[in-house]
Amino acid sequence: MDLSVLRTLSLLSDFSDMELADLFANAAEQRFTPGSFLCREGDQNGHLYFLLSGAVEVTKKDANGRAHVLAHLSSGTLLGELSWIMGTPCGASLEARQETLAVRLDGATLTHQLQDRSPGAFKLGLSLLKLLASRLMRMNDQFLVLQTKTNGHKKSEIERLRERILNDWSF
């Protein structure tokens, strides 16, 4: 596997050759044709996917079983990290929308690397913490924008949702 390609991903841009080689020693490149799934909502997948090229549509089913598009993602994106961190099935379906190339990192292997104090795995863990904190900060900003659109009237549904999410976080 070409380590220089992995370094083009922003999450891995400051990794040394040694850290990348260590982290991806057992990883595999995987190609997906349009319409194929990296994982389906509810699958016990356990993999992290680093998208090198292509496009993936993220969908999640509502209570009635109807799928809703959450995002369209392209190269440079990491997928599957939440399921790996939480030890849960895939929380959404990930479908290739065009020819897609990804590096698949097995979650169980990554967990063992962390337990063995692998430098690459440790650095990825820190990078994931920063990524997730950044997402939370953006979500807070989006909540604020939505809340101001209610003009300060009675507590909006979006504000109640924000409170429920933040109450699940321990500080």
Foldseek 3Di string as FASTA:
>chain_A
DDVVLVCVQPLNVPPDPQLSCQQQVPKDKDKDAAFDWPFAAQAQQQKKKQWSFAKKWKWAADPVRDIDTDDIDGHSDIPDPVCLVVVGGHRTIIGTRHITMIIIGHSVVLVVCVVVVRVNSVSSVVSVVVVVVVVVVVVVVVLVVVQVVVVPPPDDPSNVVVVVVVVVDDD
